[in-house]
Protein backbone atom coordinates (compact mmCIF):
# COMPACT_ATOMS: atom_id res chain seq x y z
CA MET A 1 58.93 29.88 -35.75
CA ILE A 2 58.53 32.03 -32.68
CA ALA A 3 55.27 33.88 -32.06
CA GLY A 4 55.66 37.48 -31.03
CA HIS A 5 57.74 38.91 -33.88
CA SER A 6 56.32 42.33 -34.77
CA ALA A 7 56.75 45.21 -37.18
CA THR A 8 55.29 48.65 -37.73
CA LEU A 9 53.98 49.29 -41.23
CA ALA A 10 52.73 52.47 -42.91
CA LEU A 11 49.10 52.04 -43.97
CA PRO A 12 47.85 55.44 -45.18
CA ALA A 13 45.08 54.10 -47.46
CA ALA A 14 43.65 51.79 -44.81
CA SER A 15 43.83 54.55 -42.20
CA ALA A 16 41.98 56.93 -44.51
CA ALA A 17 39.28 54.31 -45.17
CA LEU A 18 38.69 53.54 -41.48
CA SER A 19 34.96 53.45 -40.62
CA THR A 20 33.94 53.31 -44.28
CA PRO A 21 32.46 50.40 -46.23
CA THR A 22 35.70 50.09 -48.21
CA PHE A 23 37.95 49.66 -45.15
CA THR A 24 38.48 45.90 -45.36
CA ALA A 25 39.29 45.98 -49.09
CA ALA A 26 41.61 48.99 -48.62
CA LEU A 27 43.40 47.29 -45.73
CA LEU A 28 43.93 43.96 -47.47
CA ASP A 29 44.94 45.61 -50.78
CA GLU A 30 47.51 47.79 -49.03
CA LEU A 31 48.78 45.15 -46.62
CA ARG A 32 49.29 42.22 -49.02
CA PRO A 33 52.23 43.64 -51.01
CA LEU A 34 53.87 44.96 -47.83
CA LEU A 35 53.70 41.60 -46.09
CA ALA A 36 54.59 39.57 -49.18
CA SER A 37 58.24 40.58 -48.96
CA HIS A 38 58.47 41.51 -45.28
CA PRO A 39 60.86 39.67 -42.91
CA LEU A 40 57.94 39.11 -40.53
CA LEU A 41 56.60 36.37 -42.80
CA ALA A 42 60.09 34.93 -43.24
CA ALA A 43 60.21 34.49 -39.45
CA ALA A 44 57.19 32.19 -39.74
CA THR A 45 58.66 29.74 -42.22
CA GLU A 46 58.68 26.16 -41.03
CA GLN A 47 61.62 24.84 -43.02
CA GLY A 48 63.91 27.85 -43.36
CA GLY A 49 62.68 28.68 -46.83
CA ARG A 50 61.38 31.93 -48.21
CA ILE A 51 57.86 33.13 -48.91
CA GLU A 52 56.69 33.21 -52.53
CA PRO A 53 55.36 36.83 -52.69
CA ALA A 54 52.76 36.08 -55.37
CA SER A 55 51.21 33.37 -53.19
CA VAL A 56 50.29 35.60 -50.22
CA ARG A 57 46.54 35.72 -49.53
CA LEU A 58 45.00 37.53 -46.58
CA THR A 59 41.68 37.18 -44.82
CA LEU A 60 40.22 39.29 -42.04
CA LEU A 61 39.30 36.91 -39.20
CA GLY A 62 37.81 39.47 -36.83
CA GLY A 63 38.36 42.59 -34.84
CA ASP A 64 36.93 45.12 -32.47
CA ALA A 65 34.01 47.42 -33.32
CA ALA A 66 36.32 50.37 -34.00
CA GLN A 67 38.33 48.30 -36.53
CA ARG A 68 41.59 49.17 -34.79
CA ASP A 69 42.49 45.78 -33.27
CA LEU A 70 42.24 43.12 -35.95
CA ARG A 71 43.17 39.49 -36.48
CA LEU A 72 44.31 38.33 -39.92
CA GLY A 73 44.86 34.94 -41.50
CA VAL A 74 47.70 34.60 -43.99
CA PHE A 75 47.93 31.80 -46.54
CA CYS A 76 51.11 31.53 -48.59
CA ASP A 77 53.67 29.15 -50.06
CA GLU A 78 57.11 28.58 -48.59
CA ILE A 79 59.83 27.81 -51.13
CA VAL A 80 62.26 25.31 -49.66
CA GLY A 81 65.62 24.36 -51.12
CA GLY A 82 66.23 20.73 -51.98
CA CYS A 83 67.91 18.35 -49.54
CA SER A 84 71.08 18.28 -51.62
CA CYS A 85 72.60 20.35 -54.36
CA GLY A 86 70.98 18.14 -57.00
CA ASP A 87 67.43 18.37 -55.64
CA PRO A 88 65.14 21.06 -57.04
CA PRO A 89 63.40 23.47 -54.66
CA TYR A 90 59.83 22.67 -53.71
CA THR A 91 56.92 24.61 -52.23
CA THR A 92 54.87 23.82 -49.18
CA PRO A 93 51.71 25.61 -48.00
CA LEU A 94 51.95 27.79 -44.92
CA TYR A 95 49.26 29.35 -42.73
CA LEU A 96 49.80 31.86 -39.97
CA GLU A 97 47.85 34.46 -38.06
CA LEU A 98 48.70 38.05 -37.29
CA THR A 99 47.27 40.69 -35.04
CA LEU A 100 47.16 44.24 -36.30
CA ARG A 101 46.73 47.35 -34.16
CA LEU A 102 45.88 50.32 -36.38
CA ASP A 103 46.89 53.86 -35.38
CA PRO A 104 44.88 55.99 -37.82
CA ARG A 105 46.41 59.28 -36.65
CA ALA A 106 49.91 58.09 -37.51
CA ALA A 107 48.63 56.06 -40.50
CA THR A 108 50.58 53.06 -39.22
CA ALA A 109 49.85 49.64 -37.81
CA LYS A 110 51.76 47.36 -35.51
CA VAL A 111 51.57 43.85 -36.91
CA ARG A 112 52.47 40.92 -34.67
CA LEU A 113 52.96 37.28 -35.56
CA LEU A 114 50.46 35.37 -33.48
CA LEU A 115 50.69 31.76 -34.52
CA ARG A 116 51.29 29.50 -37.41
């Protein structure tokens, strides 16, 4: 896994909720399904597997006062193929961190893989 992979995602609900008490919930609710199947998470896999979309859980680790530069923790399961054709796939837990820079005017965010 190489830190630095990035993507721009459309986040209209989170952008609309900026500076409101519902911002964090709106952000995480909108971001989770987008990230669950995004190649950005696939770049973070440790064993060349794929991310189980239903396993993705997000947590807001911190950010600036304006809520535009944020750090997120991502917990998920990586599905890894067996060592040989006869071995069943197995899952292994995966943790990584992302930075998110929100552009509320464009209703987008640049998300960058920080570490795993």
